[in-house]
């Protein structure tokens, strides 16, 4: 099925139109916030009529949630949140650069919106789990491991947010490499000091201190 968005507009398959609307919604919400953005604003940003918009999404909450979901799927598909490699961080930054509005909406705005904070935090928690799994063999205290993983994740995400807002796209690879050397290097350091449980003793016979 194809939809007509109005006089002079290109016919689009339904799925393509929906994706276009979601991308436009992310831009609108990232710029104006949830409360400050109306369905009229989303329709205008998407270049469609409200009739077309409501064919896809019944409420503003529905389209906001769809924008978060679409951003999350693209990030997972393209980057896998590989903080422990330079290539993984480059992929994450590249994904954020391709969809800066969606990335900003998910990791800066949604976590502060009362109606979406819990849902957004669930998605953020999945990125923290990646860091926790990598730190698992070296930081065995659950509380310390969770704290360190959250700190690394916050540093990575906030650094990416700041860079896509102010940084030169031509220097993205350089920025990702520097971020890897600083924030993500924490994970590499702890992974390198992991001690197998069966041999976690010092040469003098005392137990090795492993956090």
N, C-alpha and C. Protein backbone atom coordinates (compact mmCIF):
# COMPACT_ATOMS: atom_id res chain seq x y z
N UNK A 1 0.84 -1.19 0.00
CA UNK A 1 0.00 0.00 0.00
C UNK A 1 0.87 1.24 0.00
N UNK A 2 0.49 2.24 -0.81
CA UNK A 2 1.21 3.50 -0.85
C UNK A 2 0.32 4.61 -0.33
N UNK A 3 0.97 5.60 0.31
CA UNK A 3 0.22 6.70 0.88
C UNK A 3 0.55 7.97 0.15
N UNK A 4 -0.43 8.84 0.06
CA UNK A 4 -0.21 10.15 -0.53
C UNK A 4 -0.09 11.15 0.60
N UNK A 5 1.05 11.84 0.68
CA UNK A 5 1.25 12.80 1.76
C UNK A 5 0.70 14.17 1.45
N UNK A 6 0.08 14.38 0.27
CA UNK A 6 -0.44 15.68 -0.09
C UNK A 6 0.02 16.05 -1.48
N UNK A 7 -0.47 17.13 -1.98
CA UNK A 7 -0.13 17.55 -3.33
C UNK A 7 1.36 17.78 -3.47
N UNK A 8 1.95 17.18 -4.51
CA UNK A 8 3.37 17.39 -4.77
C UNK A 8 4.29 16.51 -3.95
N UNK A 9 3.74 15.71 -3.04
CA UNK A 9 4.60 14.87 -2.21
C UNK A 9 4.75 13.50 -2.86
N UNK A 10 5.92 12.90 -2.61
CA UNK A 10 6.23 11.59 -3.19
C UNK A 10 5.41 10.51 -2.50
N UNK A 11 4.92 9.57 -3.29
CA UNK A 11 4.24 8.41 -2.72
C UNK A 11 5.26 7.55 -2.00
N UNK A 12 4.88 7.07 -0.84
CA UNK A 12 5.79 6.23 -0.04
C UNK A 12 5.08 4.97 0.40
N UNK A 13 5.79 3.84 0.41
CA UNK A 13 5.24 2.65 1.06
C UNK A 13 4.99 2.95 2.53
N UNK A 14 4.06 2.26 3.13
CA UNK A 14 3.66 2.55 4.51
C UNK A 14 4.84 2.47 5.48
N UNK A 15 5.67 1.43 5.37
CA UNK A 15 6.78 1.28 6.31
C UNK A 15 7.81 2.40 6.16
N UNK A 16 8.05 2.80 4.92
CA UNK A 16 9.00 3.88 4.69
C UNK A 16 8.45 5.19 5.24
N UNK A 17 7.16 5.42 5.05
CA UNK A 17 6.55 6.63 5.60
C UNK A 17 6.63 6.64 7.12
N UNK A 18 6.35 5.49 7.74
CA UNK A 18 6.41 5.41 9.20
C UNK A 18 7.82 5.72 9.71
N UNK A 19 8.84 5.18 9.03
CA UNK A 19 10.21 5.45 9.44
C UNK A 19 10.56 6.92 9.28
N UNK A 20 10.06 7.52 8.22
CA UNK A 20 10.30 8.94 7.98
C UNK A 20 9.64 9.80 9.07
N UNK A 21 8.44 9.42 9.47
CA UNK A 21 7.73 10.15 10.51
C UNK A 21 8.46 10.02 11.85
N UNK A 22 8.93 8.83 12.17
CA UNK A 22 9.63 8.61 13.43
C UNK A 22 10.92 9.43 13.48
N UNK A 23 11.65 9.46 12.39
CA UNK A 23 12.88 10.26 12.35
C UNK A 23 12.58 11.74 12.53
N UNK A 24 11.51 12.19 11.90
CA UNK A 24 11.11 13.59 12.06
C UNK A 24 10.65 13.88 13.48
N UNK A 25 9.96 12.93 14.08
CA UNK A 25 9.51 13.09 15.46
C UNK A 25 10.70 13.23 16.41
N UNK A 26 11.73 12.42 16.18
CA UNK A 26 12.92 12.52 17.02
C UNK A 26 13.53 13.92 16.93
N UNK A 27 13.58 14.46 15.74
CA UNK A 27 14.12 15.82 15.57
C UNK A 27 13.26 16.85 16.29
N UNK A 28 11.95 16.69 16.13
CA UNK A 28 11.03 17.66 16.76
C UNK A 28 11.10 17.58 18.28
N UNK A 29 11.07 16.37 18.82
CA UNK A 29 11.09 16.21 20.28
C UNK A 29 12.45 16.60 20.87
N UNK A 30 13.52 16.30 20.16
CA UNK A 30 14.85 16.67 20.66
C UNK A 30 15.02 18.19 20.71
N UNK A 31 14.33 18.87 19.80
CA UNK A 31 14.44 20.32 19.78
C UNK A 31 13.48 21.03 20.72
N UNK A 32 12.28 20.48 20.88
CA UNK A 32 11.26 21.18 21.67
C UNK A 32 10.83 20.50 22.94
N UNK A 33 11.32 19.29 23.21
CA UNK A 33 10.88 18.57 24.40
C UNK A 33 9.52 17.93 24.18
N UNK A 34 9.15 17.03 25.07
CA UNK A 34 7.88 16.32 24.92
C UNK A 34 6.69 17.26 25.10
N UNK A 35 6.68 18.01 26.20
CA UNK A 35 5.56 18.90 26.47
C UNK A 35 5.47 20.03 25.45
N UNK A 36 6.60 20.49 24.97
CA UNK A 36 6.62 21.63 24.08
C UNK A 36 6.44 21.30 22.60
N UNK A 37 6.28 20.02 22.30
CA UNK A 37 6.12 19.59 20.90
C UNK A 37 4.73 18.99 20.70
N UNK A 38 4.00 19.52 19.75
CA UNK A 38 2.65 19.03 19.47
C UNK A 38 2.66 18.08 18.28
N UNK A 39 1.57 17.41 18.08
CA UNK A 39 1.44 16.56 16.91
C UNK A 39 1.49 17.40 15.63
N UNK A 40 1.02 18.64 15.71
CA UNK A 40 1.15 19.56 14.56
C UNK A 40 2.62 19.79 14.24
N UNK A 41 3.44 19.95 15.28
CA UNK A 41 4.88 20.16 15.08
C UNK A 41 5.52 18.94 14.42
N UNK A 42 5.13 17.76 14.87
CA UNK A 42 5.68 16.53 14.31
C UNK A 42 5.26 16.39 12.84
N UNK A 43 4.01 16.65 12.57
CA UNK A 43 3.52 16.57 11.19
C UNK A 43 4.26 17.54 10.28
N UNK A 44 4.49 18.76 10.78
CA UNK A 44 5.20 19.77 9.99
C UNK A 44 6.63 19.34 9.73
N UNK A 45 7.29 18.80 10.76
CA UNK A 45 8.67 18.35 10.60
C UNK A 45 8.76 17.19 9.62
N UNK A 46 7.75 16.32 9.65
CA UNK A 46 7.73 15.15 8.76
C UNK A 46 7.26 15.50 7.35
N UNK A 47 6.66 16.66 7.21
CA UNK A 47 6.14 17.04 5.90
C UNK A 47 4.91 16.27 5.50
N UNK A 48 4.07 15.93 6.48
CA UNK A 48 2.84 15.19 6.20
C UNK A 48 1.67 15.92 6.84
N UNK A 49 0.48 15.53 6.47
CA UNK A 49 -0.71 16.07 7.12
C UNK A 49 -0.94 15.34 8.43
N UNK A 50 -1.75 15.93 9.30
CA UNK A 50 -2.09 15.25 10.55
C UNK A 50 -2.89 13.98 10.29
N UNK A 51 -3.63 13.96 9.19
CA UNK A 51 -4.37 12.74 8.85
C UNK A 51 -3.40 11.58 8.63
N UNK A 52 -2.34 11.83 7.87
CA UNK A 52 -1.33 10.80 7.64
C UNK A 52 -0.65 10.42 8.96
N UNK A 53 -0.32 11.42 9.76
CA UNK A 53 0.34 11.15 11.03
C UNK A 53 -0.49 10.24 11.92
N UNK A 54 -1.79 10.54 12.02
CA UNK A 54 -2.66 9.75 12.90
C UNK A 54 -2.97 8.37 12.32
N UNK A 55 -2.72 8.14 11.06
CA UNK A 55 -2.85 6.79 10.52
C UNK A 55 -1.79 5.87 11.10
N UNK A 56 -0.68 6.46 11.47
CA UNK A 56 0.44 5.66 11.98
C UNK A 56 0.50 5.65 13.51
N UNK A 57 0.21 6.77 14.13
CA UNK A 57 0.37 6.89 15.58
C UNK A 57 -0.82 7.63 16.16
N UNK A 58 -1.49 6.97 17.11
CA UNK A 58 -2.73 7.53 17.66
C UNK A 58 -2.47 8.66 18.64
N UNK A 59 -1.33 8.63 19.33
CA UNK A 59 -1.06 9.63 20.36
C UNK A 59 0.39 10.11 20.26
N UNK A 60 0.65 11.23 20.91
CA UNK A 60 2.00 11.76 20.96
C UNK A 60 2.92 10.81 21.73
N UNK A 61 2.39 10.18 22.76
CA UNK A 61 3.18 9.23 23.53
C UNK A 61 3.61 8.05 22.66
N UNK A 62 2.71 7.59 21.80
CA UNK A 62 3.02 6.46 20.92
C UNK A 62 4.19 6.80 19.99
N UNK A 63 4.17 7.98 19.43
CA UNK A 63 5.23 8.32 18.47
C UNK A 63 6.54 8.62 19.18
N UNK A 64 6.48 9.17 20.38
CA UNK A 64 7.71 9.39 21.16
C UNK A 64 8.36 8.05 21.48
N UNK A 65 7.55 7.10 21.94
CA UNK A 65 8.07 5.77 22.25
C UNK A 65 8.63 5.10 21.01
N UNK A 66 7.97 5.26 19.89
CA UNK A 66 8.46 4.68 18.64
C UNK A 66 9.81 5.28 18.25
N UNK A 67 9.99 6.56 18.51
CA UNK A 67 11.27 7.20 18.20
C UNK A 67 12.38 6.64 19.08
N UNK A 68 12.09 6.41 20.35
CA UNK A 68 13.09 5.80 21.24
C UNK A 68 13.44 4.40 20.79
N UNK A 69 12.43 3.61 20.46
CA UNK A 69 12.65 2.23 20.04
C UNK A 69 13.47 2.17 18.75
N UNK A 70 13.15 3.03 17.81
CA UNK A 70 13.85 3.01 16.53
C UNK A 70 15.32 3.38 16.71
N UNK A 71 15.58 4.36 17.56
CA UNK A 71 16.96 4.75 17.84
C UNK A 71 17.71 3.61 18.49
N UNK A 72 17.09 2.97 19.46
CA UNK A 72 17.74 1.87 20.17
C UNK A 72 18.08 0.72 19.22
N UNK A 73 17.13 0.36 18.36
CA UNK A 73 17.38 -0.74 17.42
C UNK A 73 18.54 -0.42 16.49
N UNK A 74 18.59 0.80 16.00
CA UNK A 74 19.68 1.17 15.10
C UNK A 74 21.03 1.12 15.80
N UNK A 75 21.07 1.57 17.04
CA UNK A 75 22.33 1.56 17.78
C UNK A 75 22.81 0.14 18.04
N UNK A 76 21.90 -0.71 18.46
CA UNK A 76 22.28 -2.10 18.74
C UNK A 76 22.73 -2.80 17.47
N UNK A 77 22.01 -2.58 16.38
CA UNK A 77 22.35 -3.23 15.12
C UNK A 77 23.69 -2.77 14.57
N UNK A 78 24.04 -1.52 14.80
CA UNK A 78 25.23 -0.96 14.16
C UNK A 78 26.46 -0.95 15.04
N UNK A 79 26.29 -0.89 16.35
CA UNK A 79 27.47 -0.70 17.20
C UNK A 79 27.70 -1.81 18.21
N UNK A 80 26.63 -2.45 18.67
CA UNK A 80 26.73 -3.47 19.72
C UNK A 80 27.34 -2.92 21.01
N UNK A 81 27.46 -1.62 21.12
CA UNK A 81 27.98 -0.98 22.33
C UNK A 81 29.30 -1.60 22.79
N UNK A 82 30.24 -1.76 21.85
CA UNK A 82 31.53 -2.36 22.18
C UNK A 82 32.51 -1.36 22.75
N UNK A 83 32.35 -1.03 24.02
CA UNK A 83 33.21 -0.02 24.64
C UNK A 83 34.66 -0.47 24.76
N UNK A 84 34.89 -1.78 24.77
CA UNK A 84 36.23 -2.27 25.07
C UNK A 84 37.12 -2.36 23.84
N UNK A 85 36.69 -1.86 22.70
CA UNK A 85 37.55 -1.81 21.51
C UNK A 85 37.40 -0.45 20.85
N UNK A 86 38.46 -0.01 20.22
CA UNK A 86 38.40 1.26 19.50
C UNK A 86 37.39 1.18 18.36
N UNK A 87 37.32 0.03 17.70
CA UNK A 87 36.37 -0.14 16.60
C UNK A 87 34.93 -0.03 17.10
N UNK A 88 34.67 -0.59 18.28
CA UNK A 88 33.33 -0.52 18.84
C UNK A 88 32.91 0.90 19.15
N UNK A 89 33.83 1.69 19.69
CA UNK A 89 33.51 3.07 19.99
C UNK A 89 33.34 3.89 18.72
N UNK A 90 34.13 3.58 17.71
CA UNK A 90 33.96 4.28 16.43
C UNK A 90 32.58 3.97 15.84
N UNK A 91 32.16 2.72 15.96
CA UNK A 91 30.85 2.33 15.44
C UNK A 91 29.74 3.04 16.21
N UNK A 92 29.89 3.15 17.53
CA UNK A 92 28.90 3.83 18.35
C UNK A 92 28.81 5.31 17.96
N UNK A 93 29.96 5.95 17.83
CA UNK A 93 29.97 7.36 17.46
C UNK A 93 29.41 7.57 16.05
N UNK A 94 29.73 6.66 15.14
CA UNK A 94 29.20 6.77 13.78
C UNK A 94 27.68 6.63 13.78
N UNK A 95 27.16 5.71 14.59
CA UNK A 95 25.71 5.53 14.66
C UNK A 95 25.04 6.77 15.24
N UNK A 96 25.66 7.36 16.26
CA UNK A 96 25.12 8.59 16.85
C UNK A 96 25.17 9.74 15.86
N UNK A 97 26.23 9.79 15.06
CA UNK A 97 26.37 10.86 14.08
C UNK A 97 25.31 10.74 12.99
N UNK A 98 24.96 9.51 12.62
CA UNK A 98 23.94 9.32 11.58
C UNK A 98 22.55 9.72 12.08
N UNK A 99 22.33 9.62 13.38
CA UNK A 99 21.02 9.93 13.95
C UNK A 99 21.19 10.76 15.22
N UNK A 100 21.73 11.97 15.11
CA UNK A 100 22.02 12.76 16.31
C UNK A 100 20.77 13.11 17.11
N UNK A 101 19.67 13.38 16.42
CA UNK A 101 18.45 13.73 17.14
C UNK A 101 17.94 12.54 17.96
N UNK A 102 17.92 11.36 17.35
CA UNK A 102 17.46 10.17 18.07
C UNK A 102 18.35 9.84 19.25
N UNK A 103 19.68 9.92 19.05
CA UNK A 103 20.63 9.62 20.11
C UNK A 103 20.45 10.61 21.27
N UNK A 104 20.31 11.87 20.93
CA UNK A 104 20.13 12.90 21.96
C UNK A 104 18.80 12.72 22.67
N UNK A 105 17.76 12.39 21.92
CA UNK A 105 16.45 12.18 22.52
C UNK A 105 16.49 11.05 23.53
N UNK A 106 17.14 9.95 23.17
CA UNK A 106 17.16 8.77 24.03
C UNK A 106 18.02 8.98 25.27
N UNK A 107 19.22 9.48 25.08
CA UNK A 107 20.18 9.50 26.19
C UNK A 107 20.27 10.82 26.95
N UNK A 108 19.64 11.88 26.44
CA UNK A 108 19.67 13.14 27.18
C UNK A 108 18.27 13.57 27.62
N UNK A 109 17.31 13.48 26.73
CA UNK A 109 15.98 14.03 27.04
C UNK A 109 15.04 13.02 27.68
N UNK A 110 14.95 11.82 27.11
CA UNK A 110 13.95 10.85 27.59
C UNK A 110 14.18 10.48 29.04
N UNK A 111 15.44 10.40 29.46
CA UNK A 111 15.73 10.02 30.84
C UNK A 111 15.26 11.07 31.83
N UNK A 112 14.92 12.27 31.33
CA UNK A 112 14.46 13.36 32.20
C UNK A 112 12.96 13.61 32.07
N UNK A 113 12.32 12.93 31.15
CA UNK A 113 10.88 13.10 30.96
C UNK A 113 10.14 12.15 31.90
N UNK A 114 9.29 12.66 32.78
CA UNK A 114 8.60 11.79 33.75
C UNK A 114 7.89 10.61 33.12
N UNK A 115 7.28 10.83 31.96
CA UNK A 115 6.51 9.75 31.34
C UNK A 115 7.38 8.68 30.70
N UNK A 116 8.66 8.99 30.47
CA UNK A 116 9.52 8.07 29.73
C UNK A 116 10.82 7.72 30.46
N UNK A 117 11.05 8.32 31.61
CA UNK A 117 12.32 8.12 32.30
C UNK A 117 12.58 6.66 32.63
N UNK A 118 11.58 5.97 33.15
CA UNK A 118 11.78 4.57 33.54
C UNK A 118 12.11 3.71 32.33
N UNK A 119 11.40 3.94 31.23
CA UNK A 119 11.64 3.16 30.03
C UNK A 119 13.03 3.45 29.46
N UNK A 120 13.39 4.72 29.40
CA UNK A 120 14.71 5.09 28.89
C UNK A 120 15.82 4.52 29.76
N UNK A 121 15.60 4.53 31.07
CA UNK A 121 16.61 3.99 31.98
C UNK A 121 16.78 2.49 31.79
N UNK A 122 15.71 1.80 31.42
CA UNK A 122 15.82 0.37 31.13
C UNK A 122 16.76 0.13 29.95
N UNK A 123 16.66 0.98 28.94
CA UNK A 123 17.53 0.85 27.77
C UNK A 123 18.98 1.19 28.14
N UNK A 124 19.15 2.25 28.92
CA UNK A 124 20.50 2.62 29.36
C UNK A 124 21.10 1.49 30.19
N UNK A 125 20.27 0.85 31.03
CA UNK A 125 20.77 -0.24 31.87
C UNK A 125 21.34 -1.38 31.03
N UNK A 126 20.81 -1.57 29.85
CA UNK A 126 21.33 -2.64 28.98
C UNK A 126 22.75 -2.30 28.51
N UNK A 127 23.04 -1.02 28.31
CA UNK A 127 24.40 -0.64 27.94
C UNK A 127 25.34 -0.83 29.11
N UNK A 128 24.85 -0.58 30.32
CA UNK A 128 25.67 -0.77 31.52
C UNK A 128 26.01 -2.25 31.68
N UNK A 129 25.08 -3.13 31.35
CA UNK A 129 25.32 -4.56 31.48
C UNK A 129 26.48 -5.02 30.62
N UNK A 130 26.66 -4.38 29.45
CA UNK A 130 27.79 -4.73 28.60
C UNK A 130 29.10 -4.48 29.34
N UNK A 131 29.20 -3.32 29.97
CA UNK A 131 30.41 -2.99 30.73
C UNK A 131 30.56 -3.92 31.92
N UNK A 132 29.46 -4.22 32.61
CA UNK A 132 29.54 -5.11 33.77
C UNK A 132 30.04 -6.49 33.37
N UNK A 133 29.57 -7.00 32.26
CA UNK A 133 30.01 -8.32 31.82
C UNK A 133 31.50 -8.34 31.52
N UNK A 134 32.00 -7.26 30.93
CA UNK A 134 33.42 -7.20 30.61
C UNK A 134 34.27 -7.09 31.88
N UNK A 135 33.73 -6.42 32.89
CA UNK A 135 34.46 -6.24 34.15
C UNK A 135 34.30 -7.43 35.10
N UNK A 136 33.47 -8.39 34.73
CA UNK A 136 33.09 -9.44 35.65
C UNK A 136 34.22 -10.25 36.24
N UNK A 137 35.28 -10.51 35.46
CA UNK A 137 36.36 -11.36 35.94
C UNK A 137 37.36 -10.62 36.82
N UNK A 138 37.33 -9.30 36.81
CA UNK A 138 38.34 -8.56 37.56
C UNK A 138 37.76 -7.77 38.73
N UNK A 139 36.52 -7.32 38.61
CA UNK A 139 35.88 -6.58 39.71
C UNK A 139 34.73 -7.45 40.19
N UNK A 140 34.98 -8.26 41.17
CA UNK A 140 34.02 -9.28 41.56
C UNK A 140 32.99 -8.81 42.58
N UNK A 141 33.30 -7.72 43.25
CA UNK A 141 32.32 -7.16 44.18
C UNK A 141 31.17 -6.56 43.35
N UNK A 142 29.94 -7.06 43.50
CA UNK A 142 28.83 -6.61 42.65
C UNK A 142 28.56 -5.12 42.73
N UNK A 143 28.65 -4.56 43.94
CA UNK A 143 28.36 -3.14 44.09
C UNK A 143 29.41 -2.29 43.39
N UNK A 144 30.69 -2.64 43.58
CA UNK A 144 31.76 -1.88 42.93
C UNK A 144 31.72 -2.05 41.41
N UNK A 145 31.43 -3.28 40.97
CA UNK A 145 31.37 -3.53 39.52
C UNK A 145 30.24 -2.72 38.87
N UNK A 146 29.07 -2.70 39.53
CA UNK A 146 27.95 -1.94 38.99
C UNK A 146 28.25 -0.45 38.95
N UNK A 147 28.87 0.05 40.01
CA UNK A 147 29.22 1.47 40.08
C UNK A 147 30.22 1.85 38.99
N UNK A 148 31.26 1.04 38.81
CA UNK A 148 32.28 1.34 37.81
C UNK A 148 31.70 1.24 36.40
N UNK A 149 30.88 0.22 36.17
CA UNK A 149 30.28 0.05 34.85
C UNK A 149 29.38 1.23 34.50
N UNK A 150 28.61 1.71 35.48
CA UNK A 150 27.74 2.86 35.23
C UNK A 150 28.58 4.11 34.97
N UNK A 151 29.68 4.26 35.72
CA UNK A 151 30.52 5.42 35.51
C UNK A 151 31.14 5.44 34.12
N UNK A 152 31.63 4.30 33.66
CA UNK A 152 32.21 4.21 32.32
C UNK A 152 31.15 4.49 31.25
N UNK A 153 29.97 3.91 31.44
CA UNK A 153 28.90 4.10 30.47
C UNK A 153 28.48 5.56 30.40
N UNK A 154 28.31 6.20 31.56
CA UNK A 154 27.92 7.61 31.57
C UNK A 154 28.97 8.47 30.87
N UNK A 155 30.23 8.17 31.12
CA UNK A 155 31.30 8.95 30.49
C UNK A 155 31.28 8.78 28.98
N UNK A 156 31.11 7.55 28.52
CA UNK A 156 31.08 7.30 27.09
C UNK A 156 29.89 8.00 26.43
N UNK A 157 28.69 7.79 26.99
CA UNK A 157 27.50 8.36 26.37
C UNK A 157 27.51 9.89 26.40
N UNK A 158 27.90 10.47 27.53
CA UNK A 158 27.94 11.93 27.61
C UNK A 158 29.01 12.52 26.70
N UNK A 159 30.12 11.82 26.56
CA UNK A 159 31.17 12.30 25.66
C UNK A 159 30.69 12.26 24.21
N UNK A 160 29.99 11.20 23.83
CA UNK A 160 29.45 11.10 22.47
C UNK A 160 28.41 12.19 22.24
N UNK A 161 27.53 12.41 23.23
CA UNK A 161 26.52 13.47 23.10
C UNK A 161 27.16 14.83 22.88
N UNK A 162 28.18 15.12 23.66
CA UNK A 162 28.86 16.42 23.53
C UNK A 162 29.56 16.55 22.18
N UNK A 163 30.16 15.45 21.73
CA UNK A 163 30.91 15.52 20.47
C UNK A 163 29.99 15.70 19.27
N UNK A 164 28.87 14.97 19.22
CA UNK A 164 27.99 15.11 18.05
C UNK A 164 27.32 16.48 18.04
N UNK A 165 27.27 17.14 19.21
CA UNK A 165 26.67 18.48 19.27
C UNK A 165 27.66 19.57 18.89
N UNK A 166 28.94 19.36 19.20
CA UNK A 166 29.92 20.44 19.04
C UNK A 166 31.14 20.07 18.20
N UNK A 167 31.37 18.78 17.99
CA UNK A 167 32.61 18.35 17.33
C UNK A 167 32.53 18.37 15.82
N UNK A 168 33.68 18.38 15.20
CA UNK A 168 33.82 18.36 13.75
C UNK A 168 33.63 16.92 13.25
N UNK A 169 32.63 16.66 12.42
CA UNK A 169 32.42 15.29 11.93
C UNK A 169 33.66 14.70 11.25
N UNK A 170 34.48 15.54 10.65
CA UNK A 170 35.69 15.06 9.98
C UNK A 170 36.69 14.48 10.97
N UNK A 171 36.50 14.78 12.26
CA UNK A 171 37.43 14.29 13.29
C UNK A 171 36.81 13.21 14.17
N UNK A 172 35.72 12.60 13.70
CA UNK A 172 35.03 11.59 14.50
C UNK A 172 35.93 10.41 14.85
N UNK A 173 36.71 9.92 13.90
CA UNK A 173 37.60 8.79 14.18
C UNK A 173 38.62 9.17 15.24
N UNK A 174 39.15 10.36 15.14
CA UNK A 174 40.12 10.84 16.13
C UNK A 174 39.49 10.94 17.52
N UNK A 175 38.27 11.47 17.57
CA UNK A 175 37.57 11.60 18.84
C UNK A 175 37.27 10.24 19.45
N UNK A 176 36.83 9.29 18.62
CA UNK A 176 36.53 7.95 19.13
C UNK A 176 37.79 7.28 19.66
N UNK A 177 38.91 7.47 18.97
CA UNK A 177 40.16 6.89 19.44
C UNK A 177 40.58 7.47 20.77
N UNK A 178 40.42 8.77 20.93
CA UNK A 178 40.78 9.41 22.20
C UNK A 178 39.87 8.97 23.32
N UNK A 179 38.59 8.84 23.02
CA UNK A 179 37.65 8.37 24.03
C UNK A 179 37.98 6.95 24.46
N UNK A 180 38.37 6.12 23.51
CA UNK A 180 38.77 4.76 23.85
C UNK A 180 39.98 4.76 24.78
N UNK A 181 40.95 5.61 24.50
CA UNK A 181 42.17 5.67 25.30
C UNK A 181 41.90 6.13 26.73
N UNK A 182 40.82 6.87 26.93
CA UNK A 182 40.52 7.40 28.26
C UNK A 182 39.45 6.58 28.96
N UNK A 183 38.20 6.80 28.60
CA UNK A 183 37.10 6.16 29.31
C UNK A 183 37.09 4.65 29.14
N UNK A 184 37.09 4.18 27.90
CA UNK A 184 36.98 2.75 27.67
C UNK A 184 38.22 2.01 28.11
N UNK A 185 39.36 2.69 28.23
CA UNK A 185 40.58 2.03 28.68
C UNK A 185 40.44 1.50 30.10
N UNK A 186 39.51 2.05 30.87
CA UNK A 186 39.26 1.55 32.22
C UNK A 186 38.88 0.08 32.16
N UNK A 187 38.00 -0.25 31.22
CA UNK A 187 37.56 -1.65 31.10
C UNK A 187 38.73 -2.52 30.68
N UNK A 188 39.51 -2.07 29.72
CA UNK A 188 40.63 -2.86 29.25
C UNK A 188 41.63 -3.10 30.37
N UNK A 189 41.87 -2.06 31.17
CA UNK A 189 42.79 -2.19 32.31
C UNK A 189 42.31 -3.25 33.28
N UNK A 190 41.05 -3.19 33.65
CA UNK A 190 40.53 -4.15 34.61
C UNK A 190 40.46 -5.55 34.03
N UNK A 191 40.16 -5.64 32.73
CA UNK A 191 40.13 -6.96 32.12
C UNK A 191 41.51 -7.59 32.12
N UNK A 192 42.54 -6.77 31.92
CA UNK A 192 43.90 -7.29 31.86
C UNK A 192 44.40 -7.75 33.23
N UNK A 193 43.80 -7.23 34.30
CA UNK A 193 44.26 -7.62 35.63
C UNK A 193 43.39 -8.72 36.24
N UNK A 194 42.48 -9.26 35.44
CA UNK A 194 41.64 -10.34 35.95
C UNK A 194 42.50 -11.53 36.34
N UNK A 195 42.19 -12.14 37.48
CA UNK A 195 42.94 -13.29 37.99
C UNK A 195 42.00 -14.48 38.08
N UNK A 196 42.31 -15.60 37.42
CA UNK A 196 41.44 -16.78 37.53
C UNK A 196 41.24 -17.17 38.98
N UNK A 197 40.05 -17.53 39.35
CA UNK A 197 39.74 -17.86 40.74
C UNK A 197 40.61 -19.00 41.27
N UNK A 198 40.93 -19.94 40.41
CA UNK A 198 41.68 -21.12 40.88
C UNK A 198 43.13 -20.79 41.20
N UNK A 199 43.67 -19.67 40.72
CA UNK A 199 45.06 -19.32 40.97
C UNK A 199 45.18 -17.93 41.58
N UNK A 200 44.12 -17.49 42.23
CA UNK A 200 44.10 -16.13 42.77
C UNK A 200 44.86 -16.04 44.09
N UNK A 201 46.16 -16.43 44.06
CA UNK A 201 47.03 -16.31 45.23
C UNK A 201 48.36 -15.72 44.80
N UNK A 202 48.93 -14.92 45.68
CA UNK A 202 50.21 -14.32 45.37
C UNK A 202 51.31 -15.37 45.51
N UNK A 203 52.50 -15.01 45.04
CA UNK A 203 53.62 -15.95 45.08
C UNK A 203 54.04 -16.28 46.49
N UNK A 204 53.72 -15.39 47.46
CA UNK A 204 54.10 -15.67 48.85
C UNK A 204 53.04 -16.47 49.59
N UNK A 205 52.03 -16.92 48.86
CA UNK A 205 51.02 -17.77 49.46
C UNK A 205 49.80 -17.06 49.97
N UNK A 206 49.86 -15.72 50.05
CA UNK A 206 48.72 -14.97 50.51
C UNK A 206 47.70 -14.80 49.39
N UNK A 207 46.44 -14.62 49.76
CA UNK A 207 45.41 -14.49 48.74
C UNK A 207 45.55 -13.16 48.01
N UNK A 208 45.41 -13.22 46.68
CA UNK A 208 45.44 -12.02 45.86
C UNK A 208 44.22 -11.16 46.14
N UNK A 209 44.40 -9.86 46.23
CA UNK A 209 43.27 -8.96 46.43
C UNK A 209 42.61 -8.67 45.09
N UNK A 210 41.38 -9.14 44.94
CA UNK A 210 40.61 -8.91 43.73
C UNK A 210 39.30 -8.26 44.14
N UNK A 211 39.00 -7.11 43.60
CA UNK A 211 37.81 -6.35 44.00
C UNK A 211 36.55 -7.01 43.46
